Amino acid sequence: MIASRAQLVCALAALWVLGLTVALQTPAQSPPPLQDLATYPRTTLTVRSGKVSHNFSVWVADTSPRQTQGLMYVRDLPANRGMLFVNCCTGIWMRNTYIELDILFVGMDGRIAKIAEHAHPFDETTIPAGGPMKAVVELKGGVAGELKLKAGDEVSWQPPTDLVNPP
């Protein structure tokens, strides 16, 4: 264990000589506190695929902190649940996301423009939307395939029923 500031400086200098770098985290770099999903507004989202409609109960990521957090740290997501991001995303990543997700990119016309199925947990590669989007929907991985959702299907939702004041 390093006992003094001088020893720390010497240890860091030795690492520098070896060509190694050390990233020191400062309090300014710590992540924002997590928000409980129970505080997010919720709504019902409907995907109409042909003559069949599929309903999902979704959390609404309606503020920048909520959009940044998304479904990070969630360890289980029922097939009838998800998250709706409105007017926010040019792409999605899976940072700190423990579960596989299907990502529906909803075009300005309210139709699915693109589906990214089985997005990999913890992958920080951005999945691009491919153009301006009205919304992005995250569902449990595999649901889009099971329900045979496809580009062109209509997506709609009601205004959130349990609006809460954003933090």
Foldseek 3Di string as FASTA:
>chain_A
DDDDPVSVVVVQVVCVVVVHHDDDDDPVPDDDDDDDLVQFFWWWKWWADPPDIAIAIEGEQDDPVSVVCAQAPPQDADQRYKYKYFQDDQWDAQANPNAFKKKFFAAPVQWGADIDARHDHRGGDTDGSPDGGRMMMIGGHPSCVVVVPDTGIGMDIDPGPDDDDDD
